[in-house]
Structures are given as structure tokens and as C-alpha cells.
């Protein structure tokens, strides 16, 4: 039973990571002034986020963040997602994302994932 919950928690983290990408795309489209800027921000911002995650956050990252640096990375990563949702006019979704991230992080720390 506990191993199933741990697996679900890791799945939730993956889904939350994907939600950050969606949030950043929504932000880019919401704040863009005209379609060229919307496309540039809606595509460019997620590419920047993907690069950062690939370098530091992914389990196979070139320079994986560990310990306190991992905590800092996750705060900035998921905080950016919540901030992007809030800035795109979706404050309730921002709160929901932030809350889910906090619960997920607490469970990962508790279960040493």
C-alpha cells in the first residue's frame, strides 16, 4: 500500500512539472501584445524552463541539484509556475498548484524520495 502511494506521489510530481510548462505557456500568451509576441513568449519561455530542468532538475541532468540546491531549484521552479498562473489571471489555479507542490514536496521528504 505504501509503495503504491509513493509511486503515485512521484507521478504527481511529474504531472506538476508538466503543469509548470502549461502555466508558462499560458503566461506567455496572456501577457503578449499581438500574436508575434504571444508566440515568442509562449514558445520561448517553456524552452528556457525545459533547458533549466534538463540541466539541473531531471534525474539524468548534466548537473543535478542535490540537497539545499534541490530545494532552491524546486522553490523557483514551482514558484515560477504559480506566479505564471497568477500573472495570466488565474490566481485560484496558482494557489492550487502551489498547494499541490507543497504537499508533494512534504511527502517526498517524509518518504525520502
N, C-alpha and C. Protein backbone atom coordinates (compact mmCIF):
# COMPACT_ATOMS: atom_id res chain seq x y z
N UNK A 1 0.82 -1.19 0.00
CA UNK A 1 0.00 0.00 0.00
C UNK A 1 0.87 1.26 0.00
N UNK A 2 1.85 1.32 0.89
CA UNK A 2 2.71 2.49 0.97
C UNK A 2 3.52 2.68 -0.31
N UNK A 3 3.97 1.56 -0.89
CA UNK A 3 4.75 1.69 -2.13
C UNK A 3 3.88 2.25 -3.26
N UNK A 4 2.60 1.91 -3.26
CA UNK A 4 1.69 2.47 -4.26
C UNK A 4 1.51 3.97 -4.06
N UNK A 5 1.40 4.40 -2.81
CA UNK A 5 1.27 5.83 -2.53
C UNK A 5 2.53 6.59 -2.92
N UNK A 6 3.68 5.96 -2.67
CA UNK A 6 4.94 6.60 -3.06
C UNK A 6 5.02 6.75 -4.58
N UNK A 7 4.60 5.72 -5.29
CA UNK A 7 4.60 5.78 -6.75
C UNK A 7 3.65 6.86 -7.24
N UNK A 8 2.48 6.96 -6.63
CA UNK A 8 1.53 8.00 -7.01
C UNK A 8 2.08 9.39 -6.73
N UNK A 9 2.83 9.52 -5.66
CA UNK A 9 3.42 10.82 -5.33
C UNK A 9 4.46 11.22 -6.37
N UNK A 10 5.25 10.25 -6.84
CA UNK A 10 6.22 10.56 -7.89
C UNK A 10 5.52 10.90 -9.21
N UNK A 11 4.42 10.21 -9.49
CA UNK A 11 3.63 10.55 -10.67
C UNK A 11 3.07 11.96 -10.54
N UNK A 12 2.60 12.32 -9.35
CA UNK A 12 2.10 13.66 -9.12
C UNK A 12 3.19 14.69 -9.37
N UNK A 13 4.41 14.42 -8.93
CA UNK A 13 5.49 15.38 -9.16
C UNK A 13 5.71 15.57 -10.66
N UNK A 14 5.70 14.48 -11.42
CA UNK A 14 5.86 14.59 -12.86
C UNK A 14 4.75 15.45 -13.47
N UNK A 15 3.52 15.21 -13.04
CA UNK A 15 2.39 15.98 -13.56
C UNK A 15 2.49 17.45 -13.16
N UNK A 16 2.99 17.72 -11.97
CA UNK A 16 3.20 19.10 -11.54
C UNK A 16 4.29 19.79 -12.37
N UNK A 17 5.33 19.03 -12.72
CA UNK A 17 6.37 19.58 -13.59
C UNK A 17 5.77 19.97 -14.93
N UNK A 18 4.92 19.12 -15.47
CA UNK A 18 4.26 19.43 -16.74
C UNK A 18 3.33 20.63 -16.60
N UNK A 19 2.68 20.74 -15.46
CA UNK A 19 1.78 21.87 -15.21
C UNK A 19 2.54 23.19 -15.24
N UNK A 20 3.79 23.18 -14.81
CA UNK A 20 4.59 24.40 -14.85
C UNK A 20 4.78 24.83 -16.31
N UNK A 21 5.04 23.89 -17.19
CA UNK A 21 5.18 24.23 -18.61
C UNK A 21 3.90 24.85 -19.15
N UNK A 22 2.77 24.25 -18.82
CA UNK A 22 1.47 24.77 -19.27
C UNK A 22 1.26 26.18 -18.72
N UNK A 23 1.59 26.38 -17.46
CA UNK A 23 1.42 27.69 -16.83
C UNK A 23 2.26 28.75 -17.54
N UNK A 24 3.48 28.40 -17.90
CA UNK A 24 4.37 29.35 -18.56
C UNK A 24 3.86 29.68 -19.96
N UNK A 25 3.32 28.69 -20.66
CA UNK A 25 2.73 28.95 -21.98
C UNK A 25 1.54 29.90 -21.83
N UNK A 26 0.67 29.61 -20.85
CA UNK A 26 -0.49 30.49 -20.61
C UNK A 26 -0.05 31.91 -20.30
N UNK A 27 0.98 32.05 -19.51
CA UNK A 27 1.51 33.37 -19.20
C UNK A 27 1.99 34.08 -20.45
N UNK A 28 2.76 33.37 -21.28
CA UNK A 28 3.28 33.98 -22.50
C UNK A 28 2.19 34.48 -23.42
N UNK A 29 1.13 33.70 -23.54
CA UNK A 29 0.02 34.10 -24.40
C UNK A 29 -0.77 35.24 -23.77
N UNK A 30 -0.91 35.22 -22.45
CA UNK A 30 -1.72 36.25 -21.76
C UNK A 30 -1.04 37.62 -21.75
N UNK A 31 0.26 37.65 -21.60
CA UNK A 31 0.93 38.95 -21.48
C UNK A 31 1.44 39.48 -22.81
N UNK A 32 1.46 38.63 -23.82
CA UNK A 32 1.94 39.07 -25.12
C UNK A 32 1.04 40.12 -25.74
N UNK A 33 1.64 41.07 -26.41
CA UNK A 33 0.90 42.14 -27.08
C UNK A 33 0.97 41.89 -28.58
N UNK A 34 -0.01 41.18 -29.09
CA UNK A 34 0.00 40.81 -30.50
C UNK A 34 0.51 39.40 -30.67
N UNK A 35 0.10 38.76 -31.74
CA UNK A 35 0.42 37.35 -31.89
C UNK A 35 1.91 37.04 -32.02
N UNK A 36 2.75 37.90 -32.63
CA UNK A 36 4.17 37.52 -32.68
C UNK A 36 4.81 37.44 -31.30
N UNK A 37 4.44 38.36 -30.43
CA UNK A 37 4.99 38.35 -29.07
C UNK A 37 4.40 37.19 -28.28
N UNK A 38 3.12 36.92 -28.46
CA UNK A 38 2.49 35.79 -27.78
C UNK A 38 3.16 34.48 -28.16
N UNK A 39 3.43 34.30 -29.45
CA UNK A 39 4.09 33.08 -29.91
C UNK A 39 5.51 33.01 -29.36
N UNK A 40 6.22 34.13 -29.42
CA UNK A 40 7.61 34.15 -28.93
C UNK A 40 7.67 33.81 -27.45
N UNK A 41 6.80 34.42 -26.65
CA UNK A 41 6.79 34.14 -25.21
C UNK A 41 6.21 32.76 -24.92
N UNK A 42 5.16 32.39 -25.64
CA UNK A 42 4.51 31.11 -25.41
C UNK A 42 5.38 29.92 -25.78
N UNK A 43 6.32 30.13 -26.68
CA UNK A 43 7.25 29.07 -27.06
C UNK A 43 8.60 29.25 -26.36
N UNK A 44 9.08 30.47 -26.30
CA UNK A 44 10.40 30.73 -25.73
C UNK A 44 10.51 30.47 -24.24
N UNK A 45 9.52 30.91 -23.49
CA UNK A 45 9.58 30.72 -22.03
C UNK A 45 9.62 29.23 -21.64
N UNK A 46 8.77 28.38 -22.24
CA UNK A 46 8.88 26.96 -21.90
C UNK A 46 10.21 26.34 -22.32
N UNK A 47 10.78 26.82 -23.41
CA UNK A 47 12.08 26.30 -23.84
C UNK A 47 13.16 26.64 -22.80
N UNK A 48 13.10 27.85 -22.27
CA UNK A 48 14.04 28.24 -21.21
C UNK A 48 13.84 27.35 -19.99
N UNK A 49 12.58 27.12 -19.63
CA UNK A 49 12.28 26.27 -18.46
C UNK A 49 12.75 24.83 -18.71
N UNK A 50 12.52 24.31 -19.91
CA UNK A 50 12.96 22.95 -20.24
C UNK A 50 14.47 22.82 -20.14
N UNK A 51 15.17 23.83 -20.60
CA UNK A 51 16.63 23.81 -20.54
C UNK A 51 17.10 23.79 -19.09
N UNK A 52 16.51 24.62 -18.26
CA UNK A 52 16.89 24.66 -16.85
C UNK A 52 16.63 23.32 -16.17
N UNK A 53 15.46 22.73 -16.46
CA UNK A 53 15.13 21.45 -15.82
C UNK A 53 16.04 20.35 -16.33
N UNK A 54 16.35 20.37 -17.61
CA UNK A 54 17.23 19.34 -18.18
C UNK A 54 18.64 19.43 -17.59
N UNK A 55 19.09 20.64 -17.30
CA UNK A 55 20.43 20.81 -16.75
C UNK A 55 20.53 20.50 -15.26
N UNK A 56 19.47 20.84 -14.51
CA UNK A 56 19.58 20.76 -13.06
C UNK A 56 18.53 19.92 -12.35
N UNK A 57 17.34 19.75 -12.92
CA UNK A 57 16.25 19.12 -12.19
C UNK A 57 15.98 17.67 -12.53
N UNK A 58 16.26 17.29 -13.75
CA UNK A 58 15.96 15.94 -14.21
C UNK A 58 16.84 14.90 -13.49
N UNK A 59 16.32 13.70 -13.29
CA UNK A 59 17.16 12.65 -12.68
C UNK A 59 18.42 12.37 -13.50
N UNK A 60 18.36 12.61 -14.81
CA UNK A 60 19.52 12.40 -15.68
C UNK A 60 20.18 13.72 -16.07
N UNK A 61 20.05 14.71 -15.24
CA UNK A 61 20.58 16.04 -15.53
C UNK A 61 22.10 16.03 -15.61
N UNK A 62 22.62 16.93 -16.41
CA UNK A 62 24.07 17.07 -16.52
C UNK A 62 24.69 17.50 -15.19
N UNK A 63 24.00 18.38 -14.49
CA UNK A 63 24.46 18.87 -13.19
C UNK A 63 23.29 18.82 -12.21
N UNK A 64 22.93 17.63 -11.73
CA UNK A 64 21.73 17.53 -10.89
C UNK A 64 21.88 18.28 -9.56
N UNK A 65 20.85 19.03 -9.25
CA UNK A 65 20.83 19.75 -7.97
C UNK A 65 20.53 18.76 -6.85
N UNK A 66 21.28 18.88 -5.76
CA UNK A 66 21.10 17.99 -4.62
C UNK A 66 21.05 18.81 -3.33
N UNK A 67 20.43 18.23 -2.32
CA UNK A 67 20.39 18.88 -1.02
C UNK A 67 19.67 20.21 -1.05
N UNK A 68 20.30 21.21 -0.44
CA UNK A 68 19.69 22.53 -0.35
C UNK A 68 19.49 23.15 -1.73
N UNK A 69 20.40 22.88 -2.66
CA UNK A 69 20.25 23.42 -4.01
C UNK A 69 19.02 22.84 -4.70
N UNK A 70 18.69 21.59 -4.40
CA UNK A 70 17.49 20.98 -4.96
C UNK A 70 16.25 21.70 -4.44
N UNK A 71 16.26 22.01 -3.15
CA UNK A 71 15.13 22.73 -2.56
C UNK A 71 14.98 24.10 -3.22
N UNK A 72 16.09 24.80 -3.39
CA UNK A 72 16.06 26.11 -4.04
C UNK A 72 15.53 25.99 -5.46
N UNK A 73 16.01 25.00 -6.20
CA UNK A 73 15.54 24.79 -7.57
C UNK A 73 14.03 24.55 -7.60
N UNK A 74 13.54 23.69 -6.73
CA UNK A 74 12.11 23.39 -6.73
C UNK A 74 11.27 24.58 -6.31
N UNK A 75 11.76 25.36 -5.37
CA UNK A 75 11.01 26.57 -4.97
C UNK A 75 10.91 27.52 -6.15
N UNK A 76 12.01 27.74 -6.85
CA UNK A 76 11.98 28.63 -8.01
C UNK A 76 11.15 28.03 -9.14
N UNK A 77 11.31 26.74 -9.39
CA UNK A 77 10.61 26.08 -10.49
C UNK A 77 9.09 26.14 -10.31
N UNK A 78 8.63 25.58 -9.19
CA UNK A 78 7.19 25.54 -8.96
C UNK A 78 6.64 26.92 -8.61
N UNK A 79 7.46 27.75 -7.98
CA UNK A 79 7.06 29.13 -7.74
C UNK A 79 6.86 29.89 -9.05
N UNK A 80 7.70 29.63 -10.03
CA UNK A 80 7.55 30.27 -11.34
C UNK A 80 6.24 29.83 -11.99
N UNK A 81 5.89 28.57 -11.83
CA UNK A 81 4.62 28.09 -12.37
C UNK A 81 3.43 28.76 -11.72
N UNK A 82 3.47 28.87 -10.40
CA UNK A 82 2.38 29.53 -9.68
C UNK A 82 2.32 31.01 -10.03
N UNK A 83 3.47 31.65 -10.12
CA UNK A 83 3.50 33.07 -10.48
C UNK A 83 2.99 33.29 -11.90
N UNK A 84 3.32 32.39 -12.80
CA UNK A 84 2.86 32.50 -14.18
C UNK A 84 1.35 32.38 -14.25
N UNK A 85 0.78 31.45 -13.48
CA UNK A 85 -0.68 31.32 -13.46
C UNK A 85 -1.33 32.58 -12.89
N UNK A 86 -0.77 33.10 -11.82
CA UNK A 86 -1.33 34.31 -11.21
C UNK A 86 -1.24 35.48 -12.19
N UNK A 87 -0.10 35.62 -12.87
CA UNK A 87 0.10 36.73 -13.80
C UNK A 87 -0.77 36.59 -15.05
N UNK A 88 -1.21 35.38 -15.34
CA UNK A 88 -2.07 35.18 -16.51
C UNK A 88 -3.55 35.28 -16.15
N UNK A 89 -3.84 35.71 -14.91
CA UNK A 89 -5.22 35.92 -14.50
C UNK A 89 -5.90 34.70 -13.93
N UNK A 90 -5.13 33.76 -13.44
CA UNK A 90 -5.68 32.53 -12.85
C UNK A 90 -5.18 32.34 -11.42
N UNK A 91 -5.53 33.24 -10.52
CA UNK A 91 -4.99 33.16 -9.15
C UNK A 91 -5.41 31.91 -8.39
N UNK A 92 -6.61 31.42 -8.61
CA UNK A 92 -7.04 30.20 -7.91
C UNK A 92 -6.24 29.00 -8.36
N UNK A 93 -5.96 28.93 -9.65
CA UNK A 93 -5.13 27.84 -10.14
C UNK A 93 -3.71 27.95 -9.60
N UNK A 94 -3.24 29.19 -9.43
CA UNK A 94 -1.91 29.40 -8.87
C UNK A 94 -1.83 28.87 -7.44
N UNK A 95 -2.85 29.16 -6.66
CA UNK A 95 -2.90 28.67 -5.27
C UNK A 95 -2.98 27.15 -5.25
N UNK A 96 -3.79 26.58 -6.14
CA UNK A 96 -3.93 25.12 -6.20
C UNK A 96 -2.60 24.47 -6.58
N UNK A 97 -1.90 25.04 -7.56
CA UNK A 97 -0.60 24.49 -7.96
C UNK A 97 0.39 24.58 -6.80
N UNK A 98 0.46 25.73 -6.16
CA UNK A 98 1.39 25.91 -5.04
C UNK A 98 1.08 24.94 -3.91
N UNK A 99 -0.20 24.77 -3.59
CA UNK A 99 -0.59 23.84 -2.53
C UNK A 99 -0.24 22.40 -2.86
N UNK A 100 -0.52 22.00 -4.09
CA UNK A 100 -0.20 20.63 -4.50
C UNK A 100 1.31 20.40 -4.46
N UNK A 101 2.08 21.41 -4.86
CA UNK A 101 3.54 21.29 -4.82
C UNK A 101 4.06 21.15 -3.39
N UNK A 102 3.48 21.90 -2.48
CA UNK A 102 3.91 21.81 -1.07
C UNK A 102 3.60 20.45 -0.48
N UNK A 103 2.40 19.94 -0.74
CA UNK A 103 2.04 18.61 -0.23
C UNK A 103 2.95 17.56 -0.83
N UNK A 104 3.17 17.64 -2.14
CA UNK A 104 4.03 16.69 -2.82
C UNK A 104 5.44 16.72 -2.25
N UNK A 105 5.99 17.91 -2.06
CA UNK A 105 7.34 18.04 -1.52
C UNK A 105 7.43 17.49 -0.10
N UNK A 106 6.42 17.79 0.71
CA UNK A 106 6.43 17.28 2.09
C UNK A 106 6.41 15.76 2.12
N UNK A 107 5.59 15.16 1.27
CA UNK A 107 5.53 13.69 1.22
C UNK A 107 6.83 13.09 0.68
N UNK A 108 7.44 13.75 -0.30
CA UNK A 108 8.72 13.24 -0.81
C UNK A 108 9.80 13.32 0.26
N UNK A 109 9.79 14.37 1.05
CA UNK A 109 10.78 14.48 2.14
C UNK A 109 10.49 13.42 3.22
N UNK A 110 9.23 13.25 3.56
CA UNK A 110 8.85 12.27 4.57
C UNK A 110 9.23 10.86 4.14
N UNK A 111 8.99 10.54 2.87
CA UNK A 111 9.26 9.20 2.35
C UNK A 111 10.65 9.07 1.73
N UNK A 112 11.45 10.12 1.83
CA UNK A 112 12.84 10.12 1.30
C UNK A 112 12.90 9.70 -0.16
N UNK A 113 12.07 10.37 -0.94
CA UNK A 113 12.04 10.08 -2.37
C UNK A 113 12.95 11.03 -3.11
